[in-house]
Amino acid sequence: MLSCSADCLSTRSYSGSDIAIVVRDALMQPVRKVISATHFRPIETPTSLKWEPCSPGAEGAVEKTYMDIGSDELHEPPLKMSDFVRAVQGARPTVTSEDVRKHEEWTNDSGELSS
């Protein structure tokens, strides 16, 4: 279970582009796990034996790199909520409170808000 405060995924002041960057970074987390792994362990799937990245002390861990494993032999790590948390924590919003104030002022001045 993921434990974080309500603020750990706060994306207040993030633009659409900022969110897109966060999502792309989160999607890359499993790839980074595979690339940086120094050990893999075999797991049985319904159709074959696959290798998943693991810590060196994990049961069944074998010292390997992703280059030692065929693409059809790799069991890709799943995307997890913690990948998104890590991505949000590593990103900074590009929208400032001054940008929001200017946008609200422009919206009010242009009559786009109807009461």
Protein backbone atom coordinates (compact mmCIF):
# COMPACT_ATOMS: atom_id res chain seq x y z
CA MET A 1 0.00 0.00 0.00
CA LEU A 2 1.24 3.46 -0.84
CA SER A 3 1.52 5.79 2.08
CA CYS A 4 1.75 9.48 1.41
CA SER A 5 0.04 12.60 2.61
CA ALA A 6 -2.61 14.29 0.52
CA ASP A 7 0.06 16.71 -0.69
CA CYS A 8 2.35 14.04 -2.16
CA LEU A 9 0.47 14.16 -5.46
CA SER A 10 -0.52 17.80 -5.39
CA THR A 11 -0.34 19.15 -8.91
CA ARG A 12 -1.67 22.59 -8.11
CA SER A 13 -0.14 25.10 -10.53
CA TYR A 14 0.83 22.38 -13.02
CA SER A 15 -0.05 23.14 -16.61
CA GLY A 16 -1.29 20.51 -19.04
CA SER A 17 2.25 20.27 -20.39
CA ASP A 18 3.59 19.80 -16.85
CA ILE A 19 1.15 16.93 -16.29
CA ALA A 20 2.17 15.36 -19.61
CA ILE A 21 5.82 15.47 -18.51
CA VAL A 22 4.93 13.86 -15.16
CA VAL A 23 3.00 11.07 -16.89
CA ARG A 24 5.85 10.40 -19.34
CA ASP A 25 8.33 10.29 -16.47
CA ALA A 26 6.11 7.88 -14.50
CA LEU A 27 5.78 5.64 -17.56
CA MET A 28 9.56 5.48 -17.80
CA GLN A 29 10.03 4.32 -14.18
CA PRO A 30 9.57 0.59 -14.99
CA VAL A 31 12.03 0.95 -17.88
CA ARG A 32 14.56 2.53 -15.53
CA LYS A 33 14.08 -0.35 -13.09
CA VAL A 34 14.93 -2.85 -15.82
CA ILE A 35 17.92 -0.88 -17.14
CA SER A 36 19.43 -0.27 -13.70
CA ALA A 37 18.82 -3.78 -12.33
CA THR A 38 21.88 -5.85 -11.51
CA HIS A 39 19.88 -8.94 -10.55
CA PHE A 40 16.87 -10.73 -11.99
CA ARG A 41 14.87 -13.68 -10.75
CA PRO A 42 13.02 -16.27 -12.78
CA ILE A 43 9.23 -16.36 -12.57
CA GLU A 44 6.88 -18.81 -14.19
CA THR A 45 4.11 -17.44 -16.34
CA PRO A 46 1.31 -19.57 -17.77
CA THR A 47 3.24 -19.91 -21.05
CA SER A 48 6.95 -19.62 -20.22
CA LEU A 49 9.73 -18.75 -17.83
CA LYS A 50 10.41 -15.02 -17.60
CA TRP A 51 12.89 -12.86 -15.70
CA GLU A 52 11.94 -9.90 -13.52
CA PRO A 53 14.26 -7.32 -11.96
CA CYS A 54 14.85 -7.78 -8.24
CA SER A 55 17.18 -6.77 -5.45
CA PRO A 56 20.42 -8.72 -5.02
CA GLY A 57 19.13 -10.30 -1.80
CA ALA A 58 15.81 -11.48 -3.22
CA GLU A 59 15.08 -15.18 -3.27
CA GLY A 60 16.24 -16.68 -6.57
CA ALA A 61 18.19 -13.56 -7.56
CA VAL A 62 20.72 -14.14 -10.33
CA GLU A 63 23.31 -11.55 -11.25
CA LYS A 64 22.34 -10.40 -14.75
CA THR A 65 21.71 -7.23 -16.65
CA TYR A 66 18.88 -6.56 -19.06
CA MET A 67 21.35 -7.17 -21.88
CA ASP A 68 21.60 -10.82 -20.77
CA ILE A 69 17.85 -11.35 -21.18
CA GLY A 70 15.97 -11.68 -24.44
CA SER A 71 13.06 -9.28 -24.98
CA ASP A 72 10.65 -12.23 -25.01
CA GLU A 73 12.10 -13.44 -21.68
CA LEU A 74 11.58 -10.17 -19.78
CA HIS A 75 8.68 -9.76 -17.38
CA GLU A 76 8.19 -5.99 -17.36
CA PRO A 77 7.61 -4.39 -13.97
CA PRO A 78 4.08 -3.01 -13.63
CA LEU A 79 3.45 0.72 -13.48
CA LYS A 80 2.65 1.63 -9.86
CA MET A 81 1.24 4.60 -8.01
CA SER A 82 4.67 5.08 -6.45
CA ASP A 83 6.02 5.74 -9.97
CA PHE A 84 3.62 8.69 -10.27
CA VAL A 85 4.50 9.94 -6.78
CA ARG A 86 8.20 9.85 -7.66
CA ALA A 87 7.52 11.66 -10.95
CA VAL A 88 5.46 14.42 -9.28
CA GLN A 89 8.07 14.87 -6.57
CA GLY A 90 10.75 15.30 -9.23
CA ALA A 91 8.81 17.81 -11.33
CA ARG A 92 8.22 21.47 -10.74
CA PRO A 93 5.20 23.38 -12.04
CA THR A 94 5.76 26.05 -14.66
CA VAL A 95 2.64 28.03 -13.75
CA THR A 96 3.11 30.67 -11.06
CA SER A 97 0.47 32.31 -8.91
CA GLU A 98 1.17 35.50 -10.90
CA ASP A 99 0.31 33.63 -14.13
CA VAL A 100 -2.98 32.48 -12.60
CA ARG A 101 -3.77 36.02 -11.40
CA LYS A 102 -3.10 37.45 -14.88
CA HIS A 103 -5.26 34.79 -16.52
CA GLU A 104 -8.13 35.44 -14.10
CA GLU A 105 -7.79 39.18 -14.66
CA TRP A 106 -7.86 38.72 -18.45
CA THR A 107 -10.89 36.44 -18.17
CA ASN A 108 -12.74 38.97 -16.02
CA ASP A 109 -11.79 41.87 -18.32
CA SER A 110 -12.77 40.08 -21.51
CA GLY A 111 -16.20 39.15 -20.18
CA GLU A 112 -15.66 35.43 -20.64
CA LEU A 113 -17.12 34.67 -17.24
CA SER A 114 -20.87 35.04 -17.17
CA SER A 115 -22.59 35.26 -13.82
